[in-house]
Every structure is written in C-alpha cells, then in structure tokens.
Amino acid sequence: MAIVPIADLCDENARHLASGEVRVLHPVFQIYGKATTFSGPVVTLRLHDDNVLLRELLLTKGEGRVIVIDGGGSMRCALLGGKLTQLAKNMGWAGIVINGCIRDVDEINACDIGVRALASHPVRPGKKRIGEKSVTVYVGGTFVQEGEWLYADKDGILISKFELSN
C-alpha cells in the first residue's frame, strides 16, 4: 500500500506531534522485508524471549493490521524468523515492528511484508507461552496502544491515535 511519506505526514501533522497524538519512534530499527512502506491499525504483544503468542496471533487473519511487539529490547534470541514472517504475509498482516531481534534475515528480506527490528540473532526463542497480548507496550521511546495506527517507511515510524490521511 502506498502511503504519504512519513516526513510529509510529520509536516502535515505538526500540531498533533506537539500534542502527542502522533509520535515518532526512536530511529533504532533496522529495515527488513520487501515492503519498506507499510501502515495499519496496531495489535500489541509483550513477549519475553518466547514467541508462542506471536505464532498464535499470526494464525489469525491480519486484515492489513500491524503487530507491535515489546520484546524488552532483548538481545538473547530472535522473536521472529522466516517461517513466521511468511505466515504473516499469507494471513494478511501488513507488517511487524519488534523491540527485539529477528533471524533468517535472507528469508525475511525475500518476503513481501514490512518488518522492523533492532537486530538479527541466530538463537530461536523459548516456547513456554510467556507474554501478554492486547496490552499497552513501550517501543521506540513511546507507549503504543492496541488500535492506534502505525505508519512506516525508510525515514521512520509514526504512531497515531487516529488514522492519518493517505
């Protein structure tokens, strides 16, 4: 989906940036996946070195939504790999933003979906179903709530309390 460039959205929404209704995530995320531009309503997860809840969520229809995962910035393992990324694409998710790591970088980069993460890490996560869904998460220097809107391109990532004009 083509969206207005993030820089233009910032310019057009300066008042909402000042009020906090629109926020810019810190520029700490690496760009993965073929879709360098993506947007959609947010679904949230908080995971601790475990991705069972992510797999369960990816088995549901994405309907153009974006998953925002607070992985606590963990550098101990990857929360997302190539198989789950392909599943996300197949189920209609627009993108995934992870405050944590991914693995299978070449597989993810070959998939037509947007992924942002802090880094890559070769170790797989635990499978104990540790985490929470549909909770407020802290990612990229801001709190993100389920139902907010996320917009991402090569310039950065915006979170908005409401849908912005595309």
N, C-alpha and C. Protein backbone atom coordinates (compact mmCIF):
# COMPACT_ATOMS: atom_id res chain seq x y z
N MET A 1 0.85 -1.17 0.00
CA MET A 1 0.00 0.00 0.00
C MET A 1 0.90 1.24 0.00
N ALA A 2 0.63 2.16 -0.90
CA ALA A 2 1.38 3.42 -0.94
C ALA A 2 0.82 4.36 0.13
N ILE A 3 1.70 4.92 0.91
CA ILE A 3 1.27 5.92 1.89
C ILE A 3 2.05 7.20 1.65
N VAL A 4 1.51 8.27 2.20
CA VAL A 4 2.21 9.55 2.15
C VAL A 4 3.54 9.36 2.88
N PRO A 5 4.64 9.88 2.35
CA PRO A 5 5.92 9.73 3.04
C PRO A 5 5.84 10.21 4.50
N ILE A 6 6.52 9.49 5.37
CA ILE A 6 6.49 9.80 6.80
C ILE A 6 6.92 11.24 7.07
N ALA A 7 7.92 11.72 6.36
CA ALA A 7 8.36 13.11 6.55
C ALA A 7 7.22 14.08 6.25
N ASP A 8 6.46 13.81 5.18
CA ASP A 8 5.32 14.67 4.84
C ASP A 8 4.22 14.55 5.89
N LEU A 9 3.97 13.33 6.39
CA LEU A 9 2.98 13.17 7.45
C LEU A 9 3.36 13.97 8.69
N CYS A 10 4.66 14.00 9.02
CA CYS A 10 5.12 14.80 10.15
C CYS A 10 4.86 16.28 9.90
N ASP A 11 5.19 16.75 8.70
CA ASP A 11 4.97 18.16 8.36
C ASP A 11 3.49 18.52 8.44
N GLU A 12 2.65 17.64 7.89
CA GLU A 12 1.21 17.91 7.84
C GLU A 12 0.53 17.78 9.20
N ASN A 13 1.18 17.12 10.14
CA ASN A 13 0.57 16.87 11.44
C ASN A 13 1.40 17.44 12.59
N ALA A 14 2.05 18.58 12.34
CA ALA A 14 2.90 19.20 13.36
C ALA A 14 2.13 19.47 14.66
N ARG A 15 0.89 19.89 14.53
CA ARG A 15 0.07 20.18 15.71
C ARG A 15 -0.17 18.90 16.52
N HIS A 16 -0.43 17.80 15.82
CA HIS A 16 -0.67 16.53 16.51
C HIS A 16 0.62 15.95 17.10
N LEU A 17 1.76 16.21 16.44
CA LEU A 17 3.06 15.83 17.02
C LEU A 17 3.30 16.58 18.32
N ALA A 18 3.00 17.87 18.32
CA ALA A 18 3.21 18.70 19.51
C ALA A 18 2.31 18.25 20.66
N SER A 19 1.10 17.78 20.34
CA SER A 19 0.15 17.37 21.38
C SER A 19 0.39 15.94 21.87
N GLY A 20 1.18 15.17 21.12
CA GLY A 20 1.42 13.78 21.47
C GLY A 20 0.43 12.80 20.87
N GLU A 21 -0.52 13.31 20.09
CA GLU A 21 -1.48 12.42 19.42
C GLU A 21 -0.80 11.62 18.31
N VAL A 22 0.28 12.18 17.76
CA VAL A 22 1.13 11.50 16.79
C VAL A 22 2.54 11.49 17.37
N ARG A 23 3.18 10.32 17.37
CA ARG A 23 4.52 10.19 17.93
C ARG A 23 5.45 9.51 16.93
N VAL A 24 6.72 9.87 17.00
CA VAL A 24 7.75 9.25 16.16
C VAL A 24 8.56 8.30 17.03
N LEU A 25 8.68 7.05 16.58
CA LEU A 25 9.52 6.11 17.32
C LEU A 25 10.99 6.48 17.15
N HIS A 26 11.79 6.22 18.17
CA HIS A 26 13.23 6.48 18.07
C HIS A 26 13.79 5.73 16.86
N PRO A 27 14.77 6.32 16.18
CA PRO A 27 15.33 5.70 14.97
C PRO A 27 16.35 4.61 15.29
N VAL A 28 15.86 3.53 15.89
CA VAL A 28 16.74 2.43 16.30
C VAL A 28 16.47 1.14 15.54
N PHE A 29 15.48 1.15 14.66
CA PHE A 29 15.04 -0.07 14.00
C PHE A 29 15.71 -0.28 12.65
N GLN A 30 16.10 -1.53 12.40
CA GLN A 30 16.63 -1.94 11.10
C GLN A 30 15.45 -2.30 10.20
N ILE A 31 15.62 -2.10 8.90
CA ILE A 31 14.55 -2.37 7.93
C ILE A 31 14.77 -3.74 7.31
N TYR A 32 13.73 -4.58 7.38
CA TYR A 32 13.76 -5.92 6.79
C TYR A 32 12.48 -6.12 5.98
N GLY A 33 12.50 -7.11 5.10
CA GLY A 33 11.34 -7.42 4.28
C GLY A 33 11.29 -6.56 3.03
N LYS A 34 10.56 -7.06 2.02
CA LYS A 34 10.46 -6.33 0.75
C LYS A 34 9.61 -5.07 0.86
N ALA A 35 8.62 -5.08 1.73
CA ALA A 35 7.72 -3.93 1.87
C ALA A 35 8.37 -2.91 2.79
N THR A 36 9.03 -1.91 2.21
CA THR A 36 9.70 -0.91 3.04
C THR A 36 8.72 0.15 3.54
N THR A 37 7.53 0.17 2.97
CA THR A 37 6.47 1.09 3.39
C THR A 37 5.25 0.26 3.78
N PHE A 38 4.72 0.52 4.97
CA PHE A 38 3.50 -0.18 5.39
C PHE A 38 2.79 0.63 6.46
N SER A 39 1.51 0.33 6.63
CA SER A 39 0.72 1.03 7.65
C SER A 39 -0.48 0.17 8.00
N GLY A 40 -1.10 0.50 9.14
CA GLY A 40 -2.31 -0.19 9.54
C GLY A 40 -2.58 -0.02 11.02
N PRO A 41 -3.76 -0.48 11.44
CA PRO A 41 -4.09 -0.46 12.86
C PRO A 41 -3.18 -1.42 13.63
N VAL A 42 -2.87 -1.06 14.86
CA VAL A 42 -1.90 -1.79 15.68
C VAL A 42 -2.56 -2.88 16.52
N VAL A 43 -1.89 -4.03 16.57
CA VAL A 43 -2.18 -5.10 17.52
C VAL A 43 -0.90 -5.27 18.35
N THR A 44 -1.02 -5.37 19.67
CA THR A 44 0.17 -5.38 20.53
C THR A 44 0.41 -6.73 21.21
N LEU A 45 1.70 -6.99 21.41
CA LEU A 45 2.15 -8.14 22.19
C LEU A 45 3.32 -7.70 23.07
N ARG A 46 3.40 -8.27 24.26
CA ARG A 46 4.60 -8.13 25.10
C ARG A 46 5.15 -9.54 25.30
N LEU A 47 6.36 -9.78 24.82
CA LEU A 47 6.95 -11.11 24.85
C LEU A 47 8.29 -11.07 25.56
N HIS A 48 8.61 -12.16 26.25
CA HIS A 48 9.90 -12.26 26.94
C HIS A 48 10.64 -13.49 26.44
N ASP A 49 11.44 -13.30 25.39
CA ASP A 49 12.26 -14.38 24.82
C ASP A 49 11.44 -15.63 24.49
N ASP A 50 10.21 -15.43 24.03
CA ASP A 50 9.27 -16.50 23.76
C ASP A 50 8.32 -16.02 22.67
N ASN A 51 8.02 -16.85 21.66
CA ASN A 51 7.15 -16.37 20.58
C ASN A 51 5.90 -17.20 20.34
N VAL A 52 5.47 -17.99 21.32
CA VAL A 52 4.26 -18.80 21.15
C VAL A 52 3.04 -17.91 20.91
N LEU A 53 2.89 -16.83 21.66
CA LEU A 53 1.74 -15.93 21.45
C LEU A 53 1.79 -15.28 20.08
N LEU A 54 2.98 -14.99 19.58
CA LEU A 54 3.11 -14.42 18.24
C LEU A 54 2.62 -15.42 17.20
N ARG A 55 3.04 -16.66 17.30
CA ARG A 55 2.59 -17.69 16.36
C ARG A 55 1.06 -17.81 16.39
N GLU A 56 0.48 -17.83 17.59
CA GLU A 56 -0.98 -17.92 17.71
C GLU A 56 -1.66 -16.74 17.03
N LEU A 57 -1.12 -15.54 17.22
CA LEU A 57 -1.70 -14.35 16.60
C LEU A 57 -1.58 -14.42 15.08
N LEU A 58 -0.44 -14.89 14.58
CA LEU A 58 -0.22 -14.95 13.14
C LEU A 58 -1.10 -15.99 12.45
N LEU A 59 -1.70 -16.88 13.20
CA LEU A 59 -2.64 -17.85 12.64
C LEU A 59 -4.02 -17.25 12.43
N THR A 60 -4.22 -16.00 12.87
CA THR A 60 -5.49 -15.29 12.65
C THR A 60 -5.34 -14.35 11.46
N LYS A 61 -6.46 -13.94 10.89
CA LYS A 61 -6.42 -13.03 9.74
C LYS A 61 -5.89 -11.67 10.16
N GLY A 62 -4.90 -11.20 9.41
CA GLY A 62 -4.28 -9.91 9.73
C GLY A 62 -5.10 -8.72 9.30
N GLU A 63 -5.80 -8.83 8.18
CA GLU A 63 -6.67 -7.76 7.68
C GLU A 63 -5.95 -6.42 7.60
N GLY A 64 -4.67 -6.44 7.18
CA GLY A 64 -3.92 -5.21 6.99
C GLY A 64 -3.43 -4.55 8.26
N ARG A 65 -3.50 -5.26 9.38
CA ARG A 65 -3.03 -4.70 10.64
C ARG A 65 -1.53 -4.88 10.80
N VAL A 66 -0.96 -4.19 11.79
CA VAL A 66 0.47 -4.23 12.08
C VAL A 66 0.65 -4.72 13.51
N ILE A 67 1.53 -5.68 13.70
CA ILE A 67 1.84 -6.19 15.03
C ILE A 67 3.01 -5.39 15.60
N VAL A 68 2.84 -4.86 16.80
CA VAL A 68 3.91 -4.16 17.51
C VAL A 68 4.25 -4.99 18.74
N ILE A 69 5.50 -5.44 18.80
CA ILE A 69 5.94 -6.34 19.86
C ILE A 69 6.96 -5.65 20.75
N ASP A 70 6.65 -5.62 22.05
CA ASP A 70 7.64 -5.18 23.03
C ASP A 70 8.37 -6.42 23.52
N GLY A 71 9.55 -6.64 22.98
CA GLY A 71 10.38 -7.76 23.39
C GLY A 71 11.40 -7.34 24.43
N GLY A 72 11.18 -6.16 25.02
CA GLY A 72 12.09 -5.68 26.06
C GLY A 72 13.48 -5.32 25.55
N GLY A 73 13.61 -5.22 24.23
CA GLY A 73 14.92 -4.92 23.66
C GLY A 73 15.90 -6.07 23.80
N SER A 74 15.38 -7.27 24.03
CA SER A 74 16.24 -8.43 24.29
C SER A 74 17.18 -8.72 23.12
N MET A 75 18.42 -8.98 23.47
CA MET A 75 19.43 -9.40 22.51
C MET A 75 19.85 -10.85 22.78
N ARG A 76 18.98 -11.62 23.45
CA ARG A 76 19.29 -13.01 23.80
C ARG A 76 18.81 -14.02 22.76
N CYS A 77 17.79 -13.64 21.96
CA CYS A 77 17.25 -14.56 20.96
C CYS A 77 16.40 -13.77 19.97
N ALA A 78 16.00 -14.44 18.91
CA ALA A 78 15.11 -13.84 17.90
C ALA A 78 13.67 -14.19 18.24
N LEU A 79 12.76 -13.24 18.03
CA LEU A 79 11.33 -13.49 18.24
C LEU A 79 10.62 -13.85 16.94
N LEU A 80 11.24 -13.54 15.81
CA LEU A 80 10.61 -13.76 14.50
C LEU A 80 11.64 -14.35 13.55
N GLY A 81 11.21 -15.35 12.77
CA GLY A 81 12.07 -15.93 11.75
C GLY A 81 11.35 -15.98 10.41
N GLY A 82 11.96 -16.63 9.46
CA GLY A 82 11.43 -16.67 8.10
C GLY A 82 10.07 -17.34 7.98
N LYS A 83 9.85 -18.45 8.67
CA LYS A 83 8.58 -19.17 8.56
C LYS A 83 7.42 -18.34 9.10
N LEU A 84 7.61 -17.72 10.26
CA LEU A 84 6.54 -16.90 10.82
C LEU A 84 6.29 -15.65 9.97
N THR A 85 7.34 -15.12 9.37
CA THR A 85 7.18 -13.95 8.50
C THR A 85 6.34 -14.32 7.28
N GLN A 86 6.61 -15.47 6.68
CA GLN A 86 5.82 -15.91 5.54
C GLN A 86 4.38 -16.17 5.96
N LEU A 87 4.17 -16.73 7.14
CA LEU A 87 2.82 -16.93 7.66
C LEU A 87 2.11 -15.59 7.81
N ALA A 88 2.81 -14.59 8.34
CA ALA A 88 2.22 -13.26 8.50
C ALA A 88 1.77 -12.71 7.15
N LYS A 89 2.60 -12.83 6.14
CA LYS A 89 2.25 -12.36 4.80
C LYS A 89 1.04 -13.12 4.28
N ASN A 90 1.05 -14.45 4.41
CA ASN A 90 -0.06 -15.27 3.91
C ASN A 90 -1.38 -14.96 4.60
N MET A 91 -1.32 -14.56 5.86
CA MET A 91 -2.54 -14.29 6.62
C MET A 91 -3.00 -12.84 6.53
N GLY A 92 -2.28 -12.01 5.76
CA GLY A 92 -2.75 -10.65 5.51
C GLY A 92 -2.30 -9.59 6.48
N TRP A 93 -1.23 -9.84 7.22
CA TRP A 93 -0.68 -8.81 8.11
C TRP A 93 0.14 -7.84 7.27
N ALA A 94 0.08 -6.54 7.57
CA ALA A 94 0.81 -5.53 6.80
C ALA A 94 2.27 -5.43 7.23
N GLY A 95 2.54 -5.66 8.51
CA GLY A 95 3.91 -5.51 8.99
C GLY A 95 4.04 -5.92 10.44
N ILE A 96 5.30 -5.98 10.88
CA ILE A 96 5.64 -6.34 12.25
C ILE A 96 6.78 -5.44 12.71
N VAL A 97 6.62 -4.81 13.87
CA VAL A 97 7.67 -3.99 14.47
C VAL A 97 8.04 -4.64 15.80
N ILE A 98 9.33 -4.94 15.97
CA ILE A 98 9.78 -5.69 17.14
C ILE A 98 10.86 -4.93 17.90
N ASN A 99 10.60 -4.68 19.17
CA ASN A 99 11.62 -4.17 20.08
C ASN A 99 12.41 -5.38 20.57
N GLY A 100 13.17 -5.95 19.64
CA GLY A 100 13.91 -7.17 19.87
C GLY A 100 14.52 -7.62 18.55
N CYS A 101 14.82 -8.90 18.45
CA CYS A 101 15.57 -9.42 17.30
C CYS A 101 14.76 -10.34 16.41
N ILE A 102 15.28 -10.52 15.18
CA ILE A 102 14.77 -11.48 14.22
C ILE A 102 15.90 -12.42 13.83
N ARG A 103 15.57 -13.47 13.08
CA ARG A 103 16.58 -14.32 12.46
C ARG A 103 16.10 -14.72 11.07
N ASP A 104 16.88 -15.48 10.34
CA ASP A 104 16.54 -15.86 8.96
C ASP A 104 16.39 -14.61 8.10
N VAL A 105 17.36 -13.73 8.18
CA VAL A 105 17.30 -12.43 7.51
C VAL A 105 17.04 -12.56 6.01
N ASP A 106 17.72 -13.48 5.33
CA ASP A 106 17.51 -13.61 3.89
C ASP A 106 16.09 -14.04 3.56
N GLU A 107 15.52 -14.94 4.36
CA GLU A 107 14.13 -15.36 4.14
C GLU A 107 13.17 -14.20 4.37
N ILE A 108 13.39 -13.45 5.42
CA ILE A 108 12.53 -12.30 5.71
C ILE A 108 12.65 -11.26 4.61
N ASN A 109 13.86 -10.99 4.17
CA ASN A 109 14.06 -9.99 3.11
C ASN A 109 13.45 -10.42 1.78
N ALA A 110 13.21 -11.70 1.58
CA ALA A 110 12.58 -12.19 0.35
C ALA A 110 11.06 -12.15 0.42
N CYS A 111 10.53 -11.85 1.59
CA CYS A 111 9.08 -11.87 1.81
C CYS A 111 8.50 -10.47 1.62
N ASP A 112 7.36 -10.38 0.95
CA ASP A 112 6.73 -9.09 0.65
C ASP A 112 5.88 -8.61 1.83
N ILE A 113 6.57 -8.25 2.89
CA ILE A 113 5.94 -7.72 4.10
C ILE A 113 6.96 -6.78 4.75
N GLY A 114 6.49 -5.85 5.56
CA GLY A 114 7.38 -4.94 6.26
C GLY A 114 7.73 -5.45 7.64
N VAL A 115 9.01 -5.46 7.96
CA VAL A 115 9.48 -5.88 9.28
C VAL A 115 10.51 -4.86 9.76
N ARG A 116 10.38 -4.46 11.01
CA ARG A 116 11.38 -3.62 11.66
C ARG A 116 11.79 -4.33 12.95
N ALA A 117 13.07 -4.35 13.22
CA ALA A 117 13.59 -4.97 14.44
C ALA A 117 14.90 -4.29 14.80
N LEU A 118 15.36 -4.52 16.02
CA LEU A 118 16.60 -3.90 16.48
C LEU A 118 17.82 -4.53 15.83
N ALA A 119 17.79 -5.85 15.62
CA ALA A 119 18.96 -6.56 15.10
C ALA A 119 18.56 -7.97 14.71
N SER A 120 19.54 -8.72 14.21
CA SER A 120 19.32 -10.15 13.96
C SER A 120 20.11 -10.94 15.00
N HIS A 121 19.61 -12.14 15.29
CA HIS A 121 20.22 -13.02 16.28
C HIS A 121 19.91 -14.46 15.87
N PRO A 122 20.89 -15.35 15.85
CA PRO A 122 20.64 -16.70 15.33
C PRO A 122 19.90 -17.65 16.27
N VAL A 123 19.76 -17.32 17.54
CA VAL A 123 19.16 -18.24 18.51
C VAL A 123 17.64 -18.12 18.48
N ARG A 124 16.96 -19.29 18.46
CA ARG A 124 15.50 -19.29 18.47
C ARG A 124 14.98 -18.99 19.88
N PRO A 125 13.74 -18.53 19.96
CA PRO A 125 13.17 -18.17 21.27
C PRO A 125 12.63 -19.40 22.01
N GLY A 126 12.26 -19.16 23.26
CA GLY A 126 11.61 -20.20 24.05
C GLY A 126 10.20 -20.46 23.56
N LYS A 127 9.61 -21.55 24.05
CA LYS A 127 8.27 -21.96 23.64
C LYS A 127 7.42 -22.27 24.87
N LYS A 128 7.41 -21.35 25.83
CA LYS A 128 6.68 -21.58 27.08
C LYS A 128 5.39 -20.77 27.18
N ARG A 129 5.07 -20.01 26.13
CA ARG A 129 3.87 -19.16 26.08
C ARG A 129 3.94 -18.06 27.15
N ILE A 130 5.10 -17.43 27.25
CA ILE A 130 5.29 -16.34 28.19
C ILE A 130 5.05 -15.03 27.45
N GLY A 131 4.09 -14.26 27.93
CA GLY A 131 3.82 -12.96 27.32
C GLY A 131 2.39 -12.52 27.55
N GLU A 132 2.07 -11.37 26.96
CA GLU A 132 0.73 -10.78 27.08
C GLU A 132 0.33 -10.23 25.73
N LYS A 133 -0.98 -10.26 25.46
CA LYS A 133 -1.47 -9.67 24.22
C LYS A 133 -2.48 -8.58 24.53
N SER A 134 -2.64 -7.67 23.57
CA SER A 134 -3.59 -6.56 23.67
C SER A 134 -3.33 -5.69 24.89
N VAL A 135 -2.05 -5.40 25.14
CA VAL A 135 -1.66 -4.56 26.26
C VAL A 135 -0.90 -3.34 25.73
N THR A 136 -0.83 -2.29 26.54
CA THR A 136 -0.01 -1.14 26.18
C THR A 136 1.45 -1.56 26.26
N VAL A 137 2.21 -1.26 25.20
CA VAL A 137 3.62 -1.64 25.15
C VAL A 137 4.48 -0.38 25.03
N TYR A 138 5.74 -0.52 25.40
CA TYR A 138 6.70 0.58 25.29
C TYR A 138 7.74 0.18 24.25
N VAL A 139 7.72 0.87 23.11
CA VAL A 139 8.57 0.53 21.97
C VAL A 139 9.12 1.82 21.37
N GLY A 140 10.41 1.85 21.11
CA GLY A 140 10.98 3.00 20.42
C GLY A 140 10.78 4.33 21.14
N GLY A 141 10.78 4.29 22.47
CA GLY A 141 10.69 5.52 23.25
C GLY A 141 9.29 6.05 23.46
N THR A 142 8.26 5.27 23.12
CA THR A 142 6.90 5.74 23.34
C THR A 142 5.98 4.58 23.69
N PHE A 143 4.91 4.89 24.38
CA PHE A 143 3.88 3.89 24.67
C PHE A 143 3.00 3.74 23.44
N VAL A 144 2.65 2.50 23.12
CA VAL A 144 1.80 2.19 21.97
C VAL A 144 0.64 1.35 22.46
N GLN A 145 -0.57 1.75 22.06
CA GLN A 145 -1.77 1.04 22.47
C GLN A 145 -2.40 0.32 21.29
N GLU A 146 -2.99 -0.83 21.58
CA GLU A 146 -3.72 -1.55 20.55
C GLU A 146 -4.81 -0.64 19.98
N GLY A 147 -4.98 -0.67 18.66
CA GLY A 147 -5.99 0.15 18.00
C GLY A 147 -5.46 1.47 17.47
N GLU A 148 -4.25 1.88 17.91
CA GLU A 148 -3.64 3.06 17.32
C GLU A 148 -3.19 2.69 15.91
N TRP A 149 -2.70 3.67 15.16
CA TRP A 149 -2.26 3.45 13.77
C TRP A 149 -0.76 3.59 13.68
N LEU A 150 -0.14 2.73 12.88
CA LEU A 150 1.30 2.77 12.64
C LEU A 150 1.54 3.04 11.16
N TYR A 151 2.52 3.90 10.89
CA TYR A 151 2.94 4.24 9.53
C TYR A 151 4.46 4.11 9.49
N ALA A 152 4.98 3.36 8.51
CA ALA A 152 6.42 3.15 8.42
C ALA A 152 6.91 3.30 6.99
N ASP A 153 8.06 3.93 6.84
CA ASP A 153 8.78 3.94 5.57
C ASP A 153 10.27 4.02 5.90
N LYS A 154 11.11 4.26 4.92
CA LYS A 154 12.55 4.28 5.15
C LYS A 154 13.00 5.43 6.05
N ASP A 155 12.16 6.46 6.20
CA ASP A 155 12.51 7.60 7.05
C ASP A 155 12.21 7.36 8.52
N GLY A 156 11.29 6.45 8.82
CA GLY A 156 10.97 6.22 10.22
C GLY A 156 9.60 5.62 10.43
N ILE A 157 9.18 5.64 11.69
CA ILE A 157 7.91 5.02 12.09
C ILE A 157 7.12 6.02 12.92
N LEU A 158 5.85 6.21 12.54
CA LEU A 158 4.92 7.06 13.28
C LEU A 158 3.86 6.20 13.95
N ILE A 159 3.42 6.63 15.13
CA ILE A 159 2.26 6.07 15.80
C ILE A 159 1.26 7.20 15.96
N SER A 160 0.00 6.93 15.61
CA SER A 160 -1.04 7.95 15.71
C SER A 160 -2.25 7.40 16.44
N LYS A 161 -2.88 8.26 17.23
CA LYS A 161 -4.09 7.87 17.94
C LYS A 161 -5.27 7.70 16.98
N PHE A 162 -5.12 8.17 15.74
CA PHE A 162 -6.20 8.10 14.75
C PHE A 162 -5.59 7.87 13.37
N GLU A 163 -6.42 7.44 12.43
CA GLU A 163 -5.94 7.21 11.07
C GLU A 163 -5.59 8.53 10.42
N LEU A 164 -4.41 8.59 9.80
CA LEU A 164 -3.96 9.79 9.09
C LEU A 164 -4.33 9.67 7.62
N SER A 165 -4.47 10.79 6.95
CA SER A 165 -4.83 10.78 5.52
C SER A 165 -3.70 10.17 4.71
N ASN A 166 -4.06 9.22 3.86
CA ASN A 166 -3.10 8.62 2.94
C ASN A 166 -3.27 9.25 1.60
